[in-house]
N, C-alpha and C. Protein backbone atom coordinates (compact mmCIF):
# COMPACT_ATOMS: atom_id res chain seq x y z
N MET A 1 0.12 18.58 -20.94
CA MET A 1 1.31 17.93 -20.44
C MET A 1 2.39 18.99 -20.21
N ALA A 2 3.00 18.95 -19.08
CA ALA A 2 4.04 19.92 -18.75
C ALA A 2 5.34 19.54 -19.44
N TYR A 3 6.01 20.52 -19.98
CA TYR A 3 7.28 20.30 -20.66
C TYR A 3 8.39 20.75 -19.75
N ARG A 4 9.36 19.88 -19.54
CA ARG A 4 10.52 20.22 -18.73
C ARG A 4 11.77 19.89 -19.52
N PRO A 5 12.62 20.87 -19.75
CA PRO A 5 13.82 20.59 -20.53
C PRO A 5 14.74 19.60 -19.82
N PHE A 6 15.42 18.80 -20.59
CA PHE A 6 16.33 17.81 -20.05
C PHE A 6 17.76 18.25 -20.32
N SER A 7 18.58 18.24 -19.30
CA SER A 7 19.97 18.63 -19.46
C SER A 7 20.84 17.68 -18.66
N LEU A 8 21.98 17.32 -19.23
CA LEU A 8 22.90 16.46 -18.49
C LEU A 8 23.68 17.24 -17.44
N ILE A 9 23.66 18.56 -17.54
CA ILE A 9 24.33 19.41 -16.56
C ILE A 9 23.25 20.15 -15.78
N PRO A 10 23.07 19.84 -14.50
CA PRO A 10 22.03 20.52 -13.73
C PRO A 10 22.29 22.01 -13.65
N THR A 11 21.21 22.78 -13.77
CA THR A 11 21.34 24.24 -13.67
C THR A 11 21.18 24.65 -12.22
N ILE A 12 21.46 25.92 -11.94
CA ILE A 12 21.33 26.44 -10.58
C ILE A 12 19.90 26.33 -10.10
N THR A 13 18.93 26.60 -10.99
CA THR A 13 17.54 26.53 -10.57
C THR A 13 17.13 25.11 -10.22
N ASP A 14 17.66 24.11 -10.96
CA ASP A 14 17.35 22.72 -10.62
C ASP A 14 17.81 22.39 -9.21
N ASN A 15 19.00 22.84 -8.85
CA ASN A 15 19.54 22.54 -7.53
C ASN A 15 18.84 23.30 -6.43
N LEU A 16 18.50 24.56 -6.68
CA LEU A 16 17.97 25.40 -5.60
C LEU A 16 16.46 25.29 -5.42
N PHE A 17 15.71 25.14 -6.52
CA PHE A 17 14.26 25.28 -6.38
C PHE A 17 13.44 24.04 -6.70
N SER A 18 13.99 23.08 -7.42
CA SER A 18 13.15 21.96 -7.87
C SER A 18 12.69 21.07 -6.72
N ASP A 19 13.48 20.94 -5.69
CA ASP A 19 13.08 20.06 -4.59
C ASP A 19 12.86 20.82 -3.28
N ARG A 20 12.49 22.08 -3.36
CA ARG A 20 12.35 22.87 -2.13
C ARG A 20 11.25 22.32 -1.21
N PHE A 21 10.18 21.78 -1.79
CA PHE A 21 9.12 21.24 -0.94
C PHE A 21 9.57 19.95 -0.25
N ASP A 22 10.34 19.14 -0.96
CA ASP A 22 10.88 17.93 -0.34
C ASP A 22 11.81 18.29 0.82
N ARG A 23 12.60 19.33 0.64
CA ARG A 23 13.51 19.75 1.71
C ARG A 23 12.73 20.29 2.91
N MET A 24 11.67 21.05 2.65
CA MET A 24 10.85 21.55 3.76
C MET A 24 10.19 20.39 4.49
N ASP A 25 9.70 19.41 3.72
CA ASP A 25 9.07 18.23 4.32
C ASP A 25 10.06 17.48 5.20
N ARG A 26 11.28 17.30 4.72
CA ARG A 26 12.31 16.61 5.51
C ARG A 26 12.67 17.40 6.77
N LEU A 27 12.71 18.74 6.66
CA LEU A 27 13.01 19.56 7.83
C LEU A 27 11.93 19.40 8.90
N PHE A 28 10.66 19.50 8.51
CA PHE A 28 9.59 19.34 9.48
C PHE A 28 9.54 17.91 10.02
N SER A 29 9.90 16.95 9.20
CA SER A 29 9.93 15.57 9.66
C SER A 29 10.99 15.35 10.73
N ARG A 30 12.12 15.99 10.57
CA ARG A 30 13.16 15.90 11.61
C ARG A 30 12.68 16.50 12.91
N LEU A 31 11.93 17.60 12.81
CA LEU A 31 11.44 18.26 14.02
C LEU A 31 10.37 17.43 14.73
N THR A 32 9.49 16.79 13.95
CA THR A 32 8.39 16.04 14.55
C THR A 32 8.71 14.57 14.80
N GLY A 33 9.75 14.05 14.12
CA GLY A 33 10.10 12.64 14.27
C GLY A 33 9.34 11.72 13.33
N ASP A 34 8.45 12.26 12.50
CA ASP A 34 7.70 11.46 11.54
C ASP A 34 8.54 11.22 10.28
N ALA A 35 8.17 10.22 9.52
CA ALA A 35 8.84 9.96 8.25
C ALA A 35 8.39 11.01 7.24
N PRO A 36 9.28 11.51 6.41
CA PRO A 36 8.88 12.48 5.39
C PRO A 36 7.86 11.88 4.43
N LEU A 37 6.91 12.71 3.97
CA LEU A 37 5.91 12.23 3.03
C LEU A 37 6.53 11.74 1.74
N SER A 38 7.61 12.38 1.33
CA SER A 38 8.26 11.98 0.08
C SER A 38 8.92 10.61 0.19
N ASP A 39 9.17 10.11 1.39
CA ASP A 39 9.77 8.79 1.58
C ASP A 39 8.72 7.69 1.68
N THR A 40 7.46 8.06 1.76
CA THR A 40 6.38 7.10 1.90
C THR A 40 5.81 6.79 0.52
N PRO A 41 5.79 5.53 0.11
CA PRO A 41 5.23 5.23 -1.21
C PRO A 41 3.73 5.47 -1.26
N SER A 42 3.24 5.84 -2.42
CA SER A 42 1.80 6.07 -2.57
C SER A 42 1.10 4.71 -2.71
N TYR A 43 -0.19 4.70 -2.39
CA TYR A 43 -0.95 3.46 -2.46
C TYR A 43 -2.40 3.75 -2.82
N ASN A 44 -3.07 2.73 -3.33
CA ASN A 44 -4.50 2.76 -3.63
C ASN A 44 -5.17 1.64 -2.85
N LEU A 45 -6.40 1.89 -2.43
CA LEU A 45 -7.21 0.85 -1.79
C LEU A 45 -8.55 0.84 -2.51
N ILE A 46 -8.89 -0.29 -3.11
CA ILE A 46 -10.15 -0.38 -3.84
C ILE A 46 -10.97 -1.55 -3.31
N GLN A 47 -12.29 -1.43 -3.46
CA GLN A 47 -13.21 -2.47 -3.04
C GLN A 47 -13.68 -3.21 -4.28
N ARG A 48 -13.40 -4.50 -4.37
CA ARG A 48 -13.80 -5.32 -5.52
C ARG A 48 -15.27 -5.73 -5.42
N ASP A 49 -15.69 -6.14 -4.24
CA ASP A 49 -17.09 -6.48 -3.98
C ASP A 49 -17.32 -6.34 -2.47
N ASP A 50 -18.37 -6.92 -1.95
CA ASP A 50 -18.70 -6.74 -0.53
C ASP A 50 -17.64 -7.26 0.42
N THR A 51 -16.89 -8.28 0.01
CA THR A 51 -15.93 -8.89 0.93
C THR A 51 -14.48 -8.89 0.44
N HIS A 52 -14.22 -8.38 -0.75
CA HIS A 52 -12.86 -8.42 -1.30
C HIS A 52 -12.35 -7.01 -1.60
N TYR A 53 -11.11 -6.76 -1.17
CA TYR A 53 -10.45 -5.47 -1.36
C TYR A 53 -9.07 -5.70 -1.96
N GLU A 54 -8.52 -4.64 -2.57
CA GLU A 54 -7.17 -4.74 -3.10
C GLU A 54 -6.39 -3.50 -2.69
N LEU A 55 -5.24 -3.73 -2.07
CA LEU A 55 -4.32 -2.67 -1.68
C LEU A 55 -3.15 -2.71 -2.66
N THR A 56 -2.91 -1.59 -3.37
CA THR A 56 -1.82 -1.51 -4.34
C THR A 56 -0.84 -0.45 -3.87
N VAL A 57 0.42 -0.84 -3.71
CA VAL A 57 1.47 0.06 -3.23
C VAL A 57 2.49 0.24 -4.35
N SER A 58 2.85 1.50 -4.62
CA SER A 58 3.83 1.81 -5.64
C SER A 58 5.24 1.63 -5.08
N VAL A 59 5.97 0.65 -5.62
CA VAL A 59 7.33 0.35 -5.16
C VAL A 59 8.27 0.21 -6.35
N PRO A 60 8.49 1.30 -7.10
CA PRO A 60 9.32 1.19 -8.30
C PRO A 60 10.77 0.84 -7.96
N GLY A 61 11.32 -0.10 -8.71
CA GLY A 61 12.72 -0.47 -8.54
C GLY A 61 12.99 -1.49 -7.45
N PHE A 62 11.99 -1.85 -6.65
CA PHE A 62 12.21 -2.84 -5.58
C PHE A 62 11.98 -4.25 -6.12
N LYS A 63 12.81 -5.17 -5.66
CA LYS A 63 12.66 -6.58 -6.00
C LYS A 63 11.89 -7.27 -4.87
N GLU A 64 11.38 -8.47 -5.16
CA GLU A 64 10.65 -9.23 -4.15
C GLU A 64 11.48 -9.45 -2.90
N SER A 65 12.78 -9.71 -3.07
CA SER A 65 13.65 -9.98 -1.93
C SER A 65 13.86 -8.74 -1.06
N GLU A 66 13.57 -7.56 -1.58
CA GLU A 66 13.77 -6.32 -0.83
C GLU A 66 12.51 -5.85 -0.10
N LEU A 67 11.41 -6.57 -0.29
CA LEU A 67 10.14 -6.21 0.33
C LEU A 67 9.75 -7.22 1.39
N ASP A 68 9.07 -6.74 2.44
CA ASP A 68 8.62 -7.62 3.51
C ASP A 68 7.19 -7.24 3.87
N ILE A 69 6.32 -8.23 3.94
CA ILE A 69 4.93 -8.03 4.32
C ILE A 69 4.67 -8.88 5.56
N ALA A 70 4.18 -8.26 6.62
CA ALA A 70 3.93 -8.99 7.87
C ALA A 70 2.60 -8.56 8.46
N VAL A 71 1.91 -9.51 9.06
CA VAL A 71 0.68 -9.23 9.81
C VAL A 71 0.89 -9.75 11.21
N GLN A 72 0.78 -8.86 12.18
CA GLN A 72 0.88 -9.26 13.58
C GLN A 72 -0.33 -8.69 14.30
N ASN A 73 -1.10 -9.59 14.90
CA ASN A 73 -2.39 -9.24 15.49
C ASN A 73 -3.23 -8.59 14.40
N THR A 74 -3.53 -7.31 14.50
CA THR A 74 -4.34 -6.62 13.49
C THR A 74 -3.54 -5.56 12.75
N GLN A 75 -2.22 -5.63 12.81
CA GLN A 75 -1.35 -4.63 12.19
C GLN A 75 -0.69 -5.21 10.94
N LEU A 76 -1.00 -4.63 9.77
CA LEU A 76 -0.36 -5.01 8.52
C LEU A 76 0.80 -4.05 8.29
N THR A 77 2.00 -4.58 8.11
CA THR A 77 3.19 -3.76 7.89
C THR A 77 3.85 -4.19 6.59
N ILE A 78 4.07 -3.19 5.72
CA ILE A 78 4.77 -3.41 4.46
C ILE A 78 6.04 -2.58 4.53
N SER A 79 7.18 -3.21 4.35
CA SER A 79 8.43 -2.46 4.41
C SER A 79 9.33 -2.86 3.25
N GLY A 80 10.19 -1.93 2.90
CA GLY A 80 11.12 -2.17 1.81
C GLY A 80 12.48 -1.60 2.16
N LYS A 81 13.52 -2.35 1.85
CA LYS A 81 14.88 -1.89 2.09
C LYS A 81 15.71 -2.34 0.90
N ARG A 82 16.29 -1.38 0.23
CA ARG A 82 17.05 -1.66 -0.99
C ARG A 82 18.37 -2.33 -0.64
N GLU A 83 18.66 -3.40 -1.37
CA GLU A 83 19.94 -4.08 -1.22
C GLU A 83 20.99 -3.29 -2.00
N THR A 84 22.11 -3.01 -1.39
CA THR A 84 23.17 -2.27 -2.09
C THR A 84 24.14 -3.25 -2.74
N SER A 85 24.69 -2.81 -3.85
CA SER A 85 25.67 -3.64 -4.55
C SER A 85 26.93 -2.82 -4.77
N ASP A 86 27.96 -3.48 -5.25
CA ASP A 86 29.23 -2.80 -5.52
C ASP A 86 29.07 -1.79 -6.65
N ASP A 87 28.16 -2.05 -7.58
CA ASP A 87 27.93 -1.13 -8.69
C ASP A 87 27.36 0.21 -8.22
N ASP A 88 26.57 0.20 -7.14
CA ASP A 88 25.96 1.43 -6.63
C ASP A 88 27.00 2.45 -6.17
N ALA A 89 28.09 2.00 -5.63
CA ALA A 89 29.13 2.90 -5.13
C ALA A 89 29.86 3.60 -6.28
N GLN A 90 29.84 3.01 -7.46
CA GLN A 90 30.57 3.57 -8.59
C GLN A 90 29.70 4.49 -9.45
N ILE A 91 28.41 4.59 -9.17
CA ILE A 91 27.51 5.42 -9.98
C ILE A 91 27.65 6.88 -9.57
N LYS A 92 27.76 7.75 -10.57
CA LYS A 92 27.78 9.19 -10.34
C LYS A 92 26.43 9.74 -10.78
N TRP A 93 25.60 10.12 -9.80
CA TRP A 93 24.25 10.59 -10.08
C TRP A 93 24.28 12.05 -10.52
N LEU A 94 23.64 12.35 -11.65
CA LEU A 94 23.45 13.73 -12.09
C LEU A 94 22.10 14.24 -11.60
N HIS A 95 21.12 13.36 -11.57
CA HIS A 95 19.80 13.67 -11.00
C HIS A 95 19.18 12.37 -10.54
N ARG A 96 18.64 12.36 -9.35
CA ARG A 96 18.02 11.15 -8.82
C ARG A 96 16.61 11.50 -8.38
N GLY A 97 15.65 11.27 -9.26
CA GLY A 97 14.26 11.62 -8.99
C GLY A 97 13.41 10.46 -8.53
N ILE A 98 13.88 9.24 -8.74
CA ILE A 98 13.12 8.06 -8.32
C ILE A 98 13.66 7.62 -6.97
N ALA A 99 12.88 7.88 -5.94
CA ALA A 99 13.32 7.54 -4.59
C ALA A 99 13.24 6.04 -4.37
N GLN A 100 14.31 5.46 -3.89
CA GLN A 100 14.31 4.05 -3.53
C GLN A 100 14.85 3.89 -2.12
N SER A 101 14.46 4.82 -1.27
CA SER A 101 14.92 4.74 0.11
C SER A 101 14.05 3.74 0.88
N ALA A 102 14.55 3.32 2.00
CA ALA A 102 13.82 2.36 2.84
C ALA A 102 12.51 3.00 3.30
N PHE A 103 11.48 2.17 3.42
CA PHE A 103 10.17 2.68 3.84
C PHE A 103 9.47 1.65 4.68
N THR A 104 8.48 2.11 5.44
CA THR A 104 7.58 1.24 6.19
C THR A 104 6.19 1.84 6.16
N LEU A 105 5.22 1.05 5.74
CA LEU A 105 3.81 1.44 5.76
C LEU A 105 3.10 0.53 6.74
N SER A 106 2.23 1.10 7.57
CA SER A 106 1.48 0.28 8.53
C SER A 106 0.00 0.60 8.40
N PHE A 107 -0.81 -0.44 8.49
CA PHE A 107 -2.26 -0.31 8.42
C PHE A 107 -2.86 -1.11 9.57
N SER A 108 -3.85 -0.53 10.22
CA SER A 108 -4.60 -1.25 11.25
C SER A 108 -5.77 -1.95 10.58
N LEU A 109 -5.85 -3.24 10.74
CA LEU A 109 -6.91 -4.03 10.12
C LEU A 109 -7.92 -4.46 11.16
N SER A 110 -9.13 -4.68 10.73
CA SER A 110 -10.15 -5.27 11.59
C SER A 110 -9.77 -6.73 11.81
N ASN A 111 -10.28 -7.34 12.87
CA ASN A 111 -9.99 -8.76 13.14
C ASN A 111 -10.48 -9.64 12.00
N ARG A 112 -11.47 -9.17 11.26
CA ARG A 112 -12.10 -9.98 10.23
C ARG A 112 -11.42 -9.86 8.86
N ILE A 113 -10.46 -8.97 8.72
CA ILE A 113 -9.80 -8.80 7.44
C ILE A 113 -8.55 -9.67 7.40
N LYS A 114 -8.48 -10.50 6.39
CA LYS A 114 -7.35 -11.42 6.21
C LYS A 114 -6.63 -11.07 4.90
N VAL A 115 -5.30 -11.15 4.93
CA VAL A 115 -4.51 -10.92 3.73
C VAL A 115 -4.46 -12.24 2.97
N GLY A 116 -4.98 -12.22 1.74
CA GLY A 116 -5.06 -13.44 0.96
C GLY A 116 -3.78 -13.74 0.21
N SER A 117 -3.33 -12.81 -0.63
CA SER A 117 -2.15 -13.05 -1.44
C SER A 117 -1.49 -11.72 -1.77
N ALA A 118 -0.24 -11.79 -2.25
CA ALA A 118 0.51 -10.60 -2.66
C ALA A 118 1.18 -10.89 -3.98
N ASN A 119 1.26 -9.86 -4.84
CA ASN A 119 1.85 -10.01 -6.16
C ASN A 119 2.63 -8.74 -6.50
N LEU A 120 3.85 -8.90 -7.00
CA LEU A 120 4.68 -7.76 -7.41
C LEU A 120 4.83 -7.81 -8.93
N SER A 121 4.38 -6.74 -9.60
CA SER A 121 4.44 -6.69 -11.05
C SER A 121 4.52 -5.24 -11.50
N ASN A 122 5.49 -4.93 -12.37
CA ASN A 122 5.64 -3.59 -12.93
C ASN A 122 5.76 -2.49 -11.88
N GLY A 123 6.44 -2.76 -10.79
CA GLY A 123 6.64 -1.76 -9.75
C GLY A 123 5.45 -1.54 -8.85
N LEU A 124 4.44 -2.39 -8.95
CA LEU A 124 3.25 -2.30 -8.10
C LEU A 124 3.10 -3.57 -7.28
N LEU A 125 2.99 -3.40 -5.97
CA LEU A 125 2.76 -4.51 -5.06
C LEU A 125 1.27 -4.56 -4.75
N ARG A 126 0.61 -5.66 -5.13
CA ARG A 126 -0.83 -5.80 -4.92
C ARG A 126 -1.10 -6.84 -3.85
N LEU A 127 -1.89 -6.45 -2.85
CA LEU A 127 -2.30 -7.37 -1.79
C LEU A 127 -3.81 -7.54 -1.89
N ASN A 128 -4.25 -8.79 -1.89
CA ASN A 128 -5.68 -9.09 -1.88
C ASN A 128 -6.13 -9.30 -0.45
N LEU A 129 -7.13 -8.55 -0.05
CA LEU A 129 -7.66 -8.61 1.31
C LEU A 129 -9.08 -9.15 1.27
N GLU A 130 -9.43 -9.94 2.26
CA GLU A 130 -10.78 -10.49 2.33
C GLU A 130 -11.41 -10.19 3.69
N TYR A 131 -12.62 -9.69 3.63
CA TYR A 131 -13.39 -9.40 4.84
C TYR A 131 -14.24 -10.63 5.12
N GLU A 132 -13.92 -11.35 6.19
CA GLU A 132 -14.61 -12.59 6.52
C GLU A 132 -15.79 -12.30 7.45
N ILE A 133 -16.98 -12.70 7.02
CA ILE A 133 -18.19 -12.51 7.82
C ILE A 133 -18.55 -13.85 8.44
N PRO A 134 -18.66 -13.91 9.78
CA PRO A 134 -19.04 -15.17 10.43
C PRO A 134 -20.44 -15.62 9.99
N GLU A 135 -20.66 -16.92 9.94
CA GLU A 135 -21.94 -17.47 9.50
C GLU A 135 -23.12 -16.90 10.28
N GLU A 136 -22.94 -16.70 11.58
CA GLU A 136 -24.06 -16.22 12.40
C GLU A 136 -24.43 -14.77 12.10
N GLU A 137 -23.55 -14.04 11.41
CA GLU A 137 -23.85 -12.65 11.07
C GLU A 137 -24.28 -12.46 9.63
N LYS A 138 -24.27 -13.53 8.84
CA LYS A 138 -24.73 -13.43 7.46
C LYS A 138 -26.26 -13.35 7.44
N PRO A 139 -26.80 -12.64 6.46
CA PRO A 139 -28.27 -12.56 6.36
C PRO A 139 -28.87 -13.95 6.15
N GLN A 140 -30.01 -14.17 6.77
CA GLN A 140 -30.68 -15.47 6.66
C GLN A 140 -32.06 -15.28 6.08
N ARG A 141 -32.49 -16.23 5.27
CA ARG A 141 -33.84 -16.22 4.73
C ARG A 141 -34.69 -17.10 5.64
N ILE A 142 -35.83 -16.58 6.00
CA ILE A 142 -36.74 -17.30 6.90
C ILE A 142 -38.00 -17.66 6.11
N ALA A 143 -38.39 -18.92 6.21
CA ALA A 143 -39.60 -19.38 5.52
C ALA A 143 -40.83 -18.84 6.21
N ILE A 144 -41.82 -18.52 5.43
CA ILE A 144 -43.10 -18.06 5.97
C ILE A 144 -44.00 -19.28 6.06
N SER A 145 -44.55 -19.47 7.23
CA SER A 145 -45.39 -20.65 7.42
C SER A 145 -46.85 -20.24 7.44
N SER A 146 -47.68 -21.19 7.14
CA SER A 146 -49.12 -20.95 7.21
C SER A 146 -49.71 -21.82 8.29
N SER A 147 -50.85 -21.45 8.83
CA SER A 147 -51.59 -22.21 9.84
C SER A 147 -50.79 -22.43 11.11
N GLY A 148 -49.98 -21.45 11.54
CA GLY A 148 -49.32 -21.52 12.82
C GLY A 148 -48.12 -22.42 12.90
N SER A 149 -47.67 -23.06 11.81
CA SER A 149 -46.46 -23.87 11.89
C SER A 149 -45.25 -22.96 11.96
N GLU A 150 -44.19 -23.44 12.56
CA GLU A 150 -43.00 -22.63 12.76
C GLU A 150 -42.24 -22.44 11.45
N GLY A 151 -41.63 -21.24 11.30
CA GLY A 151 -40.78 -20.97 10.13
C GLY A 151 -39.41 -21.59 10.31
N ASN A 152 -38.83 -22.04 9.23
CA ASN A 152 -37.50 -22.65 9.25
C ASN A 152 -36.54 -21.83 8.44
N VAL A 153 -35.29 -21.92 8.81
CA VAL A 153 -34.26 -21.26 8.02
C VAL A 153 -34.09 -22.08 6.75
N LEU A 154 -34.26 -21.43 5.59
CA LEU A 154 -34.11 -22.12 4.34
C LEU A 154 -32.67 -22.16 3.87
N GLU A 155 -32.00 -21.01 3.91
CA GLU A 155 -30.64 -20.93 3.39
C GLU A 155 -29.97 -19.66 3.85
N HIS A 156 -28.66 -19.68 3.79
CA HIS A 156 -27.87 -18.46 3.98
C HIS A 156 -27.67 -17.84 2.62
N LYS A 157 -27.84 -16.55 2.52
CA LYS A 157 -27.64 -15.91 1.23
C LYS A 157 -26.94 -14.58 1.46
N GLN A 158 -25.77 -14.40 0.83
CA GLN A 158 -25.07 -13.13 0.94
C GLN A 158 -25.73 -12.12 0.02
N GLN A 159 -25.70 -10.88 0.48
CA GLN A 159 -26.27 -9.81 -0.35
C GLN A 159 -25.19 -8.95 -0.87
């Protein structure tokens, strides 16, 4: 575990060197027009089974009212914009390491992927995704017939 001293008075090195990569990222982002990587929340995508997935986005400090999830055609967009209050103007920041700036994440989904539900808990936004397979594309079991009789479909069975 890395040890970092804590001080209520920032030192020169804290100001000059601690966020140099963030500053470089912001500089290149201004040149290219892309959003800085540091402004984009991190996320995980896991597969629960053959048809169910979970997308987890890290959104510390955001409330449900500050987040928006939209699906248009095959584009999933998750955005967050912090609501400002009168108390925010009176705060004197000595160090601000938890970014709560506005963000937008976009994902291209297949036509068959549907967003089932969303849940916000402990700074993590979880979306349940389902991959819908049409009946005609599901594997089918075919009966084996004897003496030249035709085989019949017995049942649909997912694998």
